[in-house]
Amino acid sequence: MKPCKRIEIVIEETLTRRMAQVLEAQGAPGYTLIPRASGQGDRGARRADDPTGTLTNAVFIIATDDDALLEQIVESVRPLLERSGGICLVSDALWVRH
């Protein structure tokens, strides 16, 4: 196993295309997108069954062992989160290489 950082970004589902563009522009090595996430936060309830996606969240997961790339990604998603809400979490993880 290799130490890495796990970046989790929760954002409105309607903004997933824009977030993917931001991540790709910053050189993210890849990401996992989990659509239709629901929960409760400072902007109220988010429902996974909302047909318009405006009350639904999505979760992006990115793993990186490059500290410079980590900073680039975090700083590049900050403006989108400031405008639309959401959350970005960074945590230590272990990468099981195969």
C-alpha atoms as a PDB file:
ATOM      1  CA  MET A   1       0.000   0.000   0.000  1.00  0.00           C
ATOM      2  CA  LYS A   2       1.116   3.508  -0.775  1.00  0.00           C
ATOM      3  CA  PRO A   3       0.233   6.643   1.229  1.00  0.00           C
ATOM      4  CA  CYS A   4      -1.849   9.194  -0.659  1.00  0.00           C
ATOM      5  CA  LYS A   5      -4.403  11.932  -0.174  1.00  0.00           C
ATOM      6  CA  ARG A   6      -8.101  11.341  -0.790  1.00  0.00           C
ATOM      7  CA  ILE A   7     -10.050  14.332  -2.038  1.00  0.00           C
ATOM      8  CA  GLU A   8     -13.829  14.167  -1.716  1.00  0.00           C
ATOM      9  CA  ILE A   9     -15.939  16.887  -3.285  1.00  0.00           C
ATOM     10  CA  VAL A  10     -19.690  17.100  -2.715  1.00  0.00           C
ATOM     11  CA  ILE A  11     -21.448  19.443  -5.132  1.00  0.00           C
ATOM     12  CA  GLU A  12     -24.860  19.952  -6.717  1.00  0.00           C
ATOM     13  CA  GLU A  13     -25.460  17.270  -9.318  1.00  0.00           C
ATOM     14  CA  THR A  14     -26.224  19.905 -11.959  1.00  0.00           C
ATOM     15  CA  LEU A  15     -22.599  21.094 -11.683  1.00  0.00           C
ATOM     16  CA  THR A  16     -20.904  17.737 -12.257  1.00  0.00           C
ATOM     17  CA  ARG A  17     -19.920  18.523 -15.855  1.00  0.00           C
ATOM     18  CA  ARG A  18     -18.296  21.804 -14.783  1.00  0.00           C
ATOM     19  CA  MET A  19     -16.492  20.121 -11.878  1.00  0.00           C
ATOM     20  CA  ALA A  20     -15.199  17.382 -14.180  1.00  0.00           C
ATOM     21  CA  GLN A  21     -13.852  20.071 -16.541  1.00  0.00           C
ATOM     22  CA  VAL A  22     -12.067  21.799 -13.648  1.00  0.00           C
ATOM     23  CA  LEU A  23     -10.513  18.536 -12.447  1.00  0.00           C
ATOM     24  CA  GLU A  24      -9.383  17.544 -15.944  1.00  0.00           C
ATOM     25  CA  ALA A  25      -7.918  21.024 -16.588  1.00  0.00           C
ATOM     26  CA  GLN A  26      -5.830  20.701 -13.414  1.00  0.00           C
ATOM     27  CA  GLY A  27      -4.472  17.323 -14.471  1.00  0.00           C
ATOM     28  CA  ALA A  28      -6.321  15.134 -12.007  1.00  0.00           C
ATOM     29  CA  PRO A  29      -5.186  11.566 -12.695  1.00  0.00           C
ATOM     30  CA  GLY A  30      -8.808  10.430 -12.676  1.00  0.00           C
ATOM     31  CA  TYR A  31     -11.827  10.552 -10.457  1.00  0.00           C
ATOM     32  CA  THR A  32     -14.815   8.553  -9.337  1.00  0.00           C
ATOM     33  CA  LEU A  33     -18.201  10.213  -9.630  1.00  0.00           C
ATOM     34  CA  ILE A  34     -21.031   9.042  -7.410  1.00  0.00           C
ATOM     35  CA  PRO A  35     -24.269  10.606  -8.664  1.00  0.00           C
ATOM     36  CA  ARG A  36     -27.516  11.037  -6.784  1.00  0.00           C
ATOM     37  CA  ALA A  37     -26.090  11.577  -3.305  1.00  0.00           C
ATOM     38  CA  SER A  38     -28.498  12.730  -0.641  1.00  0.00           C
ATOM     39  CA  GLY A  39     -28.031  14.201   2.794  1.00  0.00           C
ATOM     40  CA  GLN A  40     -28.476  17.222   5.020  1.00  0.00           C
ATOM     41  CA  GLY A  41     -26.253  20.293   5.255  1.00  0.00           C
ATOM     42  CA  ASP A  42     -26.249  24.033   5.813  1.00  0.00           C
ATOM     43  CA  ARG A  43     -28.291  24.512   2.621  1.00  0.00           C
ATOM     44  CA  GLY A  44     -30.975  22.097   3.718  1.00  0.00           C
ATOM     45  CA  ALA A  45     -31.913  18.606   2.637  1.00  0.00           C
ATOM     46  CA  ARG A  46     -30.646  17.069  -0.607  1.00  0.00           C
ATOM     47  CA  ARG A  47     -32.747  14.309  -2.096  1.00  0.00           C
ATOM     48  CA  ALA A  48     -31.482  11.533  -4.333  1.00  0.00           C
ATOM     49  CA  ASP A  49     -34.895  11.167  -5.960  1.00  0.00           C
ATOM     50  CA  ASP A  50     -35.212  14.738  -7.302  1.00  0.00           C
ATOM     51  CA  PRO A  51     -35.769  14.393 -11.076  1.00  0.00           C
ATOM     52  CA  THR A  52     -34.294  17.820 -11.900  1.00  0.00           C
ATOM     53  CA  GLY A  53     -31.058  17.262  -9.986  1.00  0.00           C
ATOM     54  CA  THR A  54     -31.288  20.705  -8.377  1.00  0.00           C
ATOM     55  CA  LEU A  55     -31.882  19.200  -4.943  1.00  0.00           C
ATOM     56  CA  THR A  56     -29.440  16.335  -5.468  1.00  0.00           C
ATOM     57  CA  ASN A  57     -25.723  16.182  -4.802  1.00  0.00           C
ATOM     58  CA  ALA A  58     -22.945  14.219  -6.421  1.00  0.00           C
ATOM     59  CA  VAL A  59     -19.638  13.116  -4.914  1.00  0.00           C
ATOM     60  CA  PHE A  60     -16.265  13.167  -6.662  1.00  0.00           C
ATOM     61  CA  ILE A  61     -13.410  11.099  -5.228  1.00  0.00           C
ATOM     62  CA  ILE A  62      -9.817  11.700  -6.333  1.00  0.00           C
ATOM     63  CA  ALA A  63      -6.651  10.022  -5.062  1.00  0.00           C
ATOM     64  CA  THR A  64      -3.224  11.570  -5.496  1.00  0.00           C
ATOM     65  CA  ASP A  65       0.231  11.216  -4.033  1.00  0.00           C
ATOM     66  CA  ASP A  66       1.392  14.518  -5.585  1.00  0.00           C
ATOM     67  CA  ASP A  67       1.234  17.361  -3.026  1.00  0.00           C
ATOM     68  CA  ALA A  68       1.510  20.064  -5.700  1.00  0.00           C
ATOM     69  CA  LEU A  69      -1.388  18.559  -7.640  1.00  0.00           C
ATOM     70  CA  LEU A  70      -3.406  18.316  -4.435  1.00  0.00           C
ATOM     71  CA  GLU A  71      -2.984  22.059  -3.856  1.00  0.00           C
ATOM     72  CA  GLN A  72      -3.840  22.845  -7.494  1.00  0.00           C
ATOM     73  CA  ILE A  73      -7.039  20.831  -7.327  1.00  0.00           C
ATOM     74  CA  VAL A  74      -8.145  22.289  -3.995  1.00  0.00           C
ATOM     75  CA  GLU A  75      -7.503  25.863  -5.133  1.00  0.00           C
ATOM     76  CA  SER A  76      -9.209  25.311  -8.489  1.00  0.00           C
ATOM     77  CA  VAL A  77     -12.427  23.922  -6.998  1.00  0.00           C
ATOM     78  CA  ARG A  78     -12.659  26.558  -4.266  1.00  0.00           C
ATOM     79  CA  PRO A  79     -14.282  29.244  -6.502  1.00  0.00           C
ATOM     80  CA  LEU A  80     -16.962  26.842  -7.722  1.00  0.00           C
ATOM     81  CA  LEU A  81     -17.741  25.790  -4.152  1.00  0.00           C
ATOM     82  CA  GLU A  82     -17.860  29.415  -2.984  1.00  0.00           C
ATOM     83  CA  ARG A  83     -20.450  30.243  -5.654  1.00  0.00           C
ATOM     84  CA  SER A  84     -22.618  27.150  -5.423  1.00  0.00           C
ATOM     85  CA  GLY A  85     -21.991  25.581  -2.042  1.00  0.00           C
ATOM     86  CA  GLY A  86     -20.677  22.117  -1.417  1.00  0.00           C
ATOM     87  CA  ILE A  87     -17.725  20.759   0.459  1.00  0.00           C
ATOM     88  CA  CYS A  88     -14.194  19.584  -0.251  1.00  0.00           C
ATOM     89  CA  LEU A  89     -12.533  17.169   2.167  1.00  0.00           C
ATOM     90  CA  VAL A  90      -8.899  16.057   2.096  1.00  0.00           C
ATOM     91  CA  SER A  91      -7.777  13.094   4.155  1.00  0.00           C
ATOM     92  CA  ASP A  92      -4.899  10.674   4.431  1.00  0.00           C
ATOM     93  CA  ALA A  93      -5.483   7.330   2.758  1.00  0.00           C
ATOM     94  CA  LEU A  94      -3.647   4.205   1.652  1.00  0.00           C
ATOM     95  CA  TRP A  95      -3.633   3.373  -2.031  1.00  0.00           C
ATOM     96  CA  VAL A  96      -3.851  -0.335  -2.749  1.00  0.00           C
ATOM     97  CA  ARG A  97      -1.934  -0.599  -5.989  1.00  0.00           C
ATOM     98  CA  HIS A  98      -2.681  -3.516  -8.279  1.00  0.00           C
END
